[in-house]
Protein backbone atom coordinates (compact mmCIF):
# COMPACT_ATOMS: atom_id res chain seq x y z
CA MET A 1 167.55 -52.11 159.59
CA SER A 2 170.78 -52.77 159.73
CA PHE A 3 170.85 -54.46 156.04
CA TYR A 4 169.14 -51.36 155.09
CA THR A 5 170.82 -48.27 156.95
CA ARG A 6 173.86 -50.23 154.92
CA TRP A 7 172.84 -50.24 151.79
CA LYS A 8 171.57 -46.50 151.76
CA ALA A 9 174.61 -44.98 153.27
CA LYS A 10 176.40 -47.06 150.52
CA ARG A 11 173.46 -45.47 148.54
CA ASP A 12 174.41 -42.15 149.62
CA TYR A 13 177.71 -42.07 149.21
CA ILE A 14 178.32 -43.42 145.91
CA ASN A 15 175.52 -40.64 144.72
CA ALA A 16 178.83 -38.06 146.11
CA HIS A 17 180.93 -39.81 144.20
CA GLU A 18 178.67 -39.12 141.46
CA ILE A 19 177.80 -35.78 142.08
CA ASN A 20 181.45 -34.59 143.00
CA ALA A 21 181.89 -36.16 139.31
CA VAL A 22 179.52 -34.49 137.89
CA HIS A 23 180.93 -31.45 139.65
CA ALA A 24 184.35 -32.13 138.13
CA ASP A 25 183.21 -32.02 134.47
CA LEU A 26 180.96 -28.70 135.05
CA GLN A 27 184.52 -27.26 136.96
CA ALA A 28 186.86 -28.19 133.61
CA GLY A 29 184.08 -27.64 131.00
CA LEU A 30 184.22 -24.28 132.48
CA ALA A 31 188.07 -24.31 132.60
CA GLU A 32 187.56 -24.56 128.89
CA LEU A 33 185.24 -22.50 127.71
CA ARG A 34 187.56 -19.92 129.88
CA ALA A 35 190.63 -21.16 127.75
CA ARG A 36 188.61 -20.86 124.10
CA ASP A 37 188.08 -16.94 125.60
CA ARG A 38 191.24 -16.13 126.40
CA ARG A 39 192.84 -17.36 123.32
CA ALA A 40 190.56 -16.42 121.20
CA SER A 41 191.38 -12.71 122.86
CA ALA A 42 194.93 -13.46 122.33
CA LYS A 43 194.05 -14.16 118.56
CA ALA A 44 192.44 -9.90 118.80
CA LEU A 45 195.67 -9.01 120.26
CA ASN A 46 197.63 -10.28 117.74
CA ASP A 47 195.29 -8.98 115.29
CA GLN A 48 195.60 -5.68 116.46
CA ALA A 49 199.28 -5.55 116.95
CA ASP A 50 200.00 -6.71 112.34
CA ALA A 51 196.95 -4.01 111.57
CA ILE A 52 198.95 -1.54 114.05
CA ASP A 53 201.95 -2.55 112.41
CA LYS A 54 200.73 -2.46 108.73
CA ARG A 55 199.02 1.17 109.39
CA ASP A 56 202.32 1.90 110.68
CA LYS A 57 204.55 1.54 107.44
CA GLU A 58 201.16 2.77 104.63
CA PHE A 59 201.99 6.16 106.67
CA GLU A 60 205.67 5.33 106.51
CA GLU A 61 205.21 5.26 102.57
CA MET A 62 202.79 7.87 102.52
CA GLU A 63 204.65 10.31 104.32
CA ASN A 64 207.76 9.86 101.92
CA LYS A 65 205.31 9.71 98.82
CA GLY A 66 203.62 13.24 100.90
CA TYR A 67 199.67 12.81 101.40
CA TRP A 68 197.27 15.67 102.03
CA LEU A 69 195.63 15.73 105.35
CA CYS A 70 192.10 17.75 106.37
CA ASP A 71 191.50 19.67 109.99
CA ASN A 72 189.53 16.11 110.68
CA GLY A 73 191.61 13.66 109.84
CA HIS A 74 191.12 13.14 106.30
CA GLU A 75 194.30 11.44 104.29
CA TYR A 76 194.50 11.56 100.97
CA GLU A 77 198.05 10.54 98.40
CA GLY A 78 199.29 12.00 95.97
CA ILE A 79 197.59 14.94 94.03
CA PRO A 80 194.06 15.84 94.63
CA PRO A 81 191.88 17.52 92.34
CA VAL A 82 193.45 19.55 90.04
CA THR A 83 192.42 23.46 90.75
CA GLN A 84 194.19 25.69 93.05
CA GLU A 85 191.10 26.30 95.17
CA GLU A 86 189.95 22.16 95.47
CA LEU A 87 193.32 21.73 97.17
CA LYS A 88 192.09 23.44 100.03
CA VAL A 89 188.86 21.97 100.98
CA CYS A 90 188.20 18.36 102.08
CA PHE A 91 185.63 16.30 99.74
CA GLU A 92 184.79 14.09 102.92
CA CYS A 93 184.42 17.40 104.74
CA VAL A 94 182.07 19.04 102.35
CA GLU A 95 179.81 16.21 101.86
CA SER A 96 179.49 15.72 105.73
CA GLY A 97 178.62 19.34 105.77
CA ILE A 98 181.23 19.67 107.87
CA PRO A 99 181.28 23.81 108.78
CA ALA A 100 184.04 25.61 105.82
CA ASP A 101 186.12 26.72 108.48
CA GLN A 102 187.70 22.79 109.95
CA ARG A 103 187.90 21.10 105.84
CA ASN A 104 191.01 22.23 104.75
CA MET A 105 193.37 20.18 103.32
CA ARG A 106 197.67 20.71 103.82
CA PHE A 107 200.20 18.80 102.09
CA ILE A 108 203.01 16.53 103.98
CA LYS A 109 205.49 14.76 102.92
CA ARG A 110 209.04 13.75 105.00
CA SER A 111 210.99 15.95 103.13
CA GLU A 112 209.47 18.92 103.96
CA MET A 113 209.05 19.18 106.98
CA THR A 114 210.81 20.71 109.72
CA GLY A 115 212.56 18.78 112.44
CA GLN A 116 209.71 19.64 115.66
CA GLU A 117 207.81 17.69 112.41
CA LYS A 118 209.65 15.20 111.94
CA TYR A 119 210.65 14.84 115.69
CA GLU A 120 206.31 14.88 116.44
CA SER A 121 206.11 12.28 113.73
CA ASP A 122 209.23 10.02 114.98
CA LYS A 123 207.78 10.14 118.49
CA GLU A 124 204.50 9.24 117.27
CA ARG A 125 205.66 6.15 114.78
CA LYS A 126 207.82 5.14 118.16
CA GLU A 127 204.24 4.99 120.32
CA THR A 128 202.42 3.38 117.84
CA GLN A 129 205.22 0.41 117.92
CA LYS A 130 205.13 0.06 121.36
CA MET A 131 202.00 -0.18 121.31
CA ALA A 132 201.68 -3.17 118.75
CA ALA A 133 204.60 -4.39 121.33
CA ASP A 134 202.19 -4.06 124.52
CA HIS A 135 199.46 -5.93 122.44
CA ARG A 136 201.61 -8.65 121.93
CA ALA A 137 202.54 -9.51 125.46
CA ARG A 138 199.14 -9.06 126.33
CA ALA A 139 198.39 -11.47 124.13
CA GLN A 140 201.91 -13.88 124.93
CA GLU A 141 200.09 -13.46 128.81
CA GLU A 142 196.36 -14.58 127.58
CA ILE A 143 197.89 -17.55 125.90
CA LYS A 144 200.30 -18.30 128.96
CA GLU A 145 196.44 -18.47 131.27
CA ALA A 146 194.66 -20.29 128.21
CA GLU A 147 197.15 -22.99 129.17
CA GLY A 148 196.70 -23.29 132.91
CA SER A 149 193.08 -23.60 132.08
CA GLU A 150 193.54 -25.76 129.49
CA LEU A 151 195.42 -28.12 132.13
CA THR A 152 193.22 -27.12 135.33
CA ALA A 153 190.87 -28.75 132.58
CA LYS A 154 193.00 -31.51 132.64
CA ASN A 155 193.35 -31.85 136.36
CA PHE A 156 188.92 -31.51 136.84
CA ARG A 157 188.75 -34.25 134.61
CA SER A 158 191.42 -36.81 136.30
CA GLN A 159 189.57 -35.31 139.46
CA ALA A 160 186.25 -36.90 137.65
CA ALA A 161 186.89 -39.94 136.21
CA ASN A 162 188.35 -41.38 139.93
CA PHE A 163 185.24 -40.54 141.44
CA ARG A 164 183.60 -42.17 138.86
CA ALA A 165 186.15 -45.02 139.29
CA THR A 166 185.28 -44.87 143.23
CA ALA A 167 181.54 -44.69 142.33
CA GLU A 168 182.11 -48.01 140.88
CA LYS A 169 184.42 -49.82 142.79
CA LEU A 170 182.05 -49.37 145.61
CA ARG A 171 178.70 -50.11 143.54
CA ARG A 172 180.86 -53.51 143.15
CA LEU A 173 180.88 -54.17 147.48
């Protein structure tokens, strides 16, 4: 009976180490998955910030050259249609079936803006620049957290290797 008890205790102890190794591998895999997700999130945030910057530069150029803006936010660069009546109507709104009183257009150019309009335009531009900076800061935080998750995964892999090494040593006893 003593032999069987010793053999069974040894088997249970080895199995416990093997189970702990598998648990550590699972934890490492989960940490690696989180790191990949965080890196993807950081990339998406950086892409959004780049898009905001690009749009901001395009808008600044459009504002300096002049552009047409309808009540619903459709923008047209340069001079659209020929007749004065056509200049006042947004074609996208007409095609969308938007009522006539909601599809008027106005010409916007930085040099023709009032002081208040310039102030509001500059304020909006600063807000978009702040938004892009916030996106980049959040992306950096995500990268730091991804690095932490990768370090955690490395530690779990190390623990799994230690559990397996201990189980192997126990087998040789």
